[in-house]
Amino acid sequence: MGKSKKEKHSRKEEKEGQKILVVIGVVALLLLLVMLIGYSFLGR
């Protein structure tokens, strides 16, 4: 019984970790877009 509970917990943690990775990826893409837009504006 204890083993199955641990497995469920680790699976939940894995899902949360994936969510964090997705958030980091989205933030990185947004930063890249902002930098590109800002660079294009400053370049002119």
Protein backbone atom coordinates (compact mmCIF):
# COMPACT_ATOMS: atom_id res chain seq x y z
CA MET A 1 0.00 0.00 0.00
CA GLY A 2 2.76 2.41 0.95
CA LYS A 3 4.60 1.72 -2.29
CA SER A 4 1.64 2.61 -4.54
CA LYS A 5 1.12 5.83 -2.57
CA LYS A 6 4.76 6.81 -3.17
CA GLU A 7 4.45 6.09 -6.91
CA LYS A 8 1.35 8.26 -7.17
CA HIS A 9 3.16 11.09 -5.38
CA SER A 10 6.19 10.89 -7.68
CA ARG A 11 3.89 10.94 -10.72
CA LYS A 12 2.23 14.10 -9.40
CA GLU A 13 5.63 15.71 -8.85
CA GLU A 14 6.63 14.78 -12.41
CA LYS A 15 3.53 16.53 -13.78
CA GLU A 16 4.30 19.64 -11.69
CA GLY A 17 7.89 19.59 -12.94
CA GLN A 18 6.68 19.45 -16.55
CA LYS A 19 4.39 22.41 -15.85
CA ILE A 20 7.34 24.41 -14.48
CA LEU A 21 9.40 23.53 -17.56
CA VAL A 22 6.59 24.71 -19.84
CA VAL A 23 6.27 27.99 -17.91
CA ILE A 24 10.04 28.58 -18.14
CA GLY A 25 9.92 27.89 -21.90
CA VAL A 26 7.05 30.34 -22.42
CA VAL A 27 8.79 33.04 -20.36
CA ALA A 28 12.02 32.52 -22.33
CA LEU A 29 10.15 32.86 -25.63
CA LEU A 30 8.43 36.03 -24.42
CA LEU A 31 11.78 37.50 -23.34
CA LEU A 32 13.26 36.66 -26.75
CA LEU A 33 10.33 38.36 -28.51
CA VAL A 34 10.63 41.47 -26.31
CA MET A 35 14.39 41.62 -26.94
CA LEU A 36 13.94 41.25 -30.71
CA ILE A 37 11.22 43.95 -30.82
CA GLY A 38 13.25 46.29 -28.61
CA TYR A 39 16.39 45.68 -30.70
CA SER A 40 14.55 46.39 -33.96
CA PHE A 41 13.16 49.63 -32.51
CA LEU A 42 16.54 50.73 -31.17
CA GLY A 43 18.25 49.75 -34.43
CA ARG A 44 16.11 52.27 -36.30
